Amino acid sequence: MTERAFGGAFPHQHGDPRPLVERIEAQLRERLEEAVEMAGLKLMVETRQRFGRPAPETSSAADRKEFEQTADALLTHLRQAFWGELTPEQRAGVDAAEAGASGRRERLLAAQIVLARQLPDYWQRFETHAGAFSRSRLEGPTAAKSGWLSRLLKSE
């Protein structure tokens, strides 16, 4: 038998001195960062596969920079996509959260945290908007121009 037979449903949180609201906020932020990073990485891999480029490497500074730019572009897209669906009260909440954050990425994440807490179908909308972003990158005019085959064919 273990030492903590009745440690509770979430024993990993019992040593955390933060109030419940702060712990929830931190976990939500981590989940959002993870979802954005996974969607960005998936898009990078699919884009590279589509255009015959090598897979991203964790040791490459250029790949890391591209990854961060992709994640930032996704966050920007999410903000714009959600913005059009919000009521004036919800927009005010997003504005207030962004005003309290420092740095561009922090503001974009703060907006998503507020939306995740307020919208009951946030994660379904997130998937829809992230999917639209990926499709636009894979099928859009900039995607078609970036492949080496399209450049080769245009030069003829």
Protein backbone atom coordinates (compact mmCIF):
# COMPACT_ATOMS: atom_id res chain seq x y z
CA MET A 1 0.00 0.00 0.00
CA THR A 2 1.29 3.47 -0.82
CA GLU A 3 1.89 6.18 1.74
CA ARG A 4 -0.97 8.35 0.45
CA ALA A 5 -3.84 5.94 0.07
CA PHE A 6 -6.36 8.77 0.24
CA GLY A 7 -4.46 11.55 -1.50
CA GLY A 8 -7.43 12.77 -3.48
CA ALA A 9 -8.32 12.68 -7.15
CA PHE A 10 -5.45 14.95 -8.20
CA PRO A 11 -2.56 14.25 -5.82
CA HIS A 12 -0.08 16.10 -8.07
CA GLN A 13 -1.78 19.37 -7.10
CA HIS A 14 -1.75 18.99 -3.33
CA GLY A 15 1.69 20.57 -2.99
CA ASP A 16 0.77 23.58 -5.13
CA PRO A 17 0.23 26.61 -2.87
CA ARG A 18 -1.63 28.62 -5.52
CA PRO A 19 -5.37 29.12 -5.22
CA LEU A 20 -7.58 26.91 -7.39
CA VAL A 21 -8.37 29.73 -9.83
CA GLU A 22 -4.68 30.32 -10.50
CA ARG A 23 -4.01 26.61 -10.98
CA ILE A 24 -6.89 26.34 -13.44
CA GLU A 25 -5.65 29.41 -15.31
CA ALA A 26 -2.13 27.95 -15.52
CA GLN A 27 -3.40 24.59 -16.74
CA LEU A 28 -5.61 26.25 -19.32
CA ARG A 29 -2.68 28.31 -20.55
CA GLU A 30 -0.51 25.18 -20.82
CA ARG A 31 -3.25 23.37 -22.74
CA LEU A 32 -3.64 26.29 -25.13
CA GLU A 33 0.09 26.60 -25.72
CA GLU A 34 0.28 22.86 -26.35
CA ALA A 35 -2.67 22.92 -28.78
CA VAL A 36 -1.22 25.85 -30.74
CA GLU A 37 2.23 24.26 -30.85
CA MET A 38 0.86 20.89 -31.98
CA ALA A 39 -1.26 22.50 -34.71
CA GLY A 40 1.72 24.58 -35.84
CA LEU A 41 4.05 21.60 -35.92
CA LYS A 42 1.53 19.49 -37.80
CA LEU A 43 1.16 22.27 -40.37
CA MET A 44 4.94 22.58 -40.75
CA VAL A 45 5.32 18.85 -41.32
CA GLU A 46 2.42 18.70 -43.81
CA THR A 47 3.73 21.73 -45.69
CA ARG A 48 7.19 20.27 -45.96
CA GLN A 49 5.86 16.89 -47.06
CA ARG A 50 3.66 18.51 -49.68
CA PHE A 51 6.54 20.43 -51.20
CA GLY A 52 9.22 17.78 -50.82
CA ARG A 53 11.19 19.54 -48.11
CA PRO A 54 12.87 17.72 -45.22
CA ALA A 55 11.08 17.35 -41.92
CA PRO A 56 11.79 20.02 -39.30
CA GLU A 57 14.65 19.33 -36.93
CA THR A 58 14.73 20.39 -33.30
CA SER A 59 18.42 21.25 -33.56
CA SER A 60 17.88 23.72 -36.41
CA ALA A 61 17.58 27.38 -35.43
CA ALA A 62 15.90 28.15 -38.75
CA ASP A 63 13.30 25.41 -38.19
CA ARG A 64 12.67 26.66 -34.66
CA LYS A 65 12.16 30.20 -35.96
CA GLU A 66 9.75 28.94 -38.65
CA PHE A 67 7.90 26.96 -35.98
CA GLU A 68 7.51 30.02 -33.75
CA GLN A 69 6.35 32.14 -36.68
CA THR A 70 3.79 29.49 -37.64
CA ALA A 71 2.47 29.33 -34.06
CA ASP A 72 2.26 33.13 -33.87
CA ALA A 73 0.45 33.29 -37.21
CA LEU A 74 -2.01 30.68 -35.97
CA LEU A 75 -2.66 32.65 -32.77
CA THR A 76 -3.24 35.79 -34.86
CA HIS A 77 -5.64 33.89 -37.11
CA LEU A 78 -7.51 32.48 -34.10
CA ARG A 79 -7.96 35.93 -32.61
CA GLN A 80 -9.33 37.31 -35.88
CA ALA A 81 -11.59 34.31 -36.47
CA PHE A 82 -13.07 34.39 -32.98
CA TRP A 83 -13.39 38.19 -32.95
CA GLY A 84 -16.06 38.14 -35.64
CA GLU A 85 -18.16 35.71 -33.59
CA LEU A 86 -18.10 37.61 -30.29
CA THR A 87 -20.67 39.82 -28.64
CA PRO A 88 -19.61 43.34 -27.59
CA GLU A 89 -19.36 42.14 -23.97
CA GLN A 90 -17.09 39.27 -24.96
CA ARG A 91 -14.93 41.60 -27.03
CA ALA A 92 -14.56 43.88 -24.02
CA GLY A 93 -13.36 40.90 -21.97
CA VAL A 94 -10.80 40.00 -24.63
CA ASP A 95 -9.62 43.61 -24.81
CA ALA A 96 -9.22 43.74 -21.02
CA ALA A 97 -7.23 40.49 -20.94
CA GLU A 98 -4.97 41.68 -23.73
CA ALA A 99 -4.42 45.02 -22.01
CA GLY A 100 -3.15 43.21 -18.93
CA ALA A 101 -0.57 41.19 -20.85
CA SER A 102 2.86 42.26 -22.01
CA GLY A 103 4.23 41.26 -25.39
CA ARG A 104 2.42 40.28 -28.56
CA ARG A 105 2.33 36.53 -27.96
CA GLU A 106 1.24 37.01 -24.34
CA ARG A 107 -1.65 39.22 -25.49
CA LEU A 108 -2.74 36.64 -28.07
CA LEU A 109 -2.61 33.85 -25.49
CA ALA A 110 -4.49 35.96 -22.94
CA ALA A 111 -7.29 36.45 -25.46
CA GLN A 112 -7.56 32.71 -26.07
CA ILE A 113 -7.60 31.96 -22.34
CA VAL A 114 -10.53 34.33 -21.85
CA LEU A 115 -12.38 32.78 -24.77
CA ALA A 116 -11.71 29.23 -23.57
CA ARG A 117 -13.22 30.13 -20.22
CA GLN A 118 -16.26 31.94 -21.65
CA LEU A 119 -17.26 29.90 -24.68
CA PRO A 120 -18.73 26.47 -23.97
CA ASP A 121 -17.76 25.23 -27.44
CA TYR A 122 -14.34 26.89 -27.52
CA TRP A 123 -12.34 23.75 -28.34
CA GLN A 124 -14.63 22.79 -31.22
CA ARG A 125 -14.30 26.29 -32.63
CA PHE A 126 -10.53 26.19 -32.04
CA GLU A 127 -10.28 23.01 -34.13
CA THR A 128 -12.45 24.51 -36.88
CA HIS A 129 -10.44 27.74 -37.05
CA ALA A 130 -7.07 25.98 -36.80
CA GLY A 131 -8.15 23.62 -39.59
CA ALA A 132 -9.15 26.57 -41.78
CA PHE A 133 -5.78 28.19 -41.11
CA SER A 134 -3.94 25.01 -42.09
CA ARG A 135 -5.98 24.60 -45.28
CA SER A 136 -5.33 28.20 -46.25
CA ARG A 137 -1.59 27.67 -45.78
CA LEU A 138 -1.54 24.38 -47.67
CA GLU A 139 -3.84 25.40 -50.51
CA GLY A 140 -3.39 29.17 -50.65
CA PRO A 141 -1.47 31.17 -53.24
CA THR A 142 1.66 31.42 -51.07
CA ALA A 143 1.74 27.64 -50.68
CA ALA A 144 1.59 27.10 -54.42
CA LYS A 145 4.47 29.52 -55.00
CA SER A 146 6.75 27.99 -52.39
CA GLY A 147 7.28 24.55 -53.94
CA TRP A 148 10.45 23.94 -55.94
CA LEU A 149 8.44 22.21 -58.68
CA SER A 150 6.23 25.24 -59.22
CA ARG A 151 9.30 27.49 -59.42
CA LEU A 152 10.89 25.10 -61.91
CA LEU A 153 7.77 25.02 -64.09
CA LYS A 154 7.40 28.82 -64.01
CA SER A 155 10.97 29.31 -65.21
CA GLU A 156 10.27 27.45 -68.47
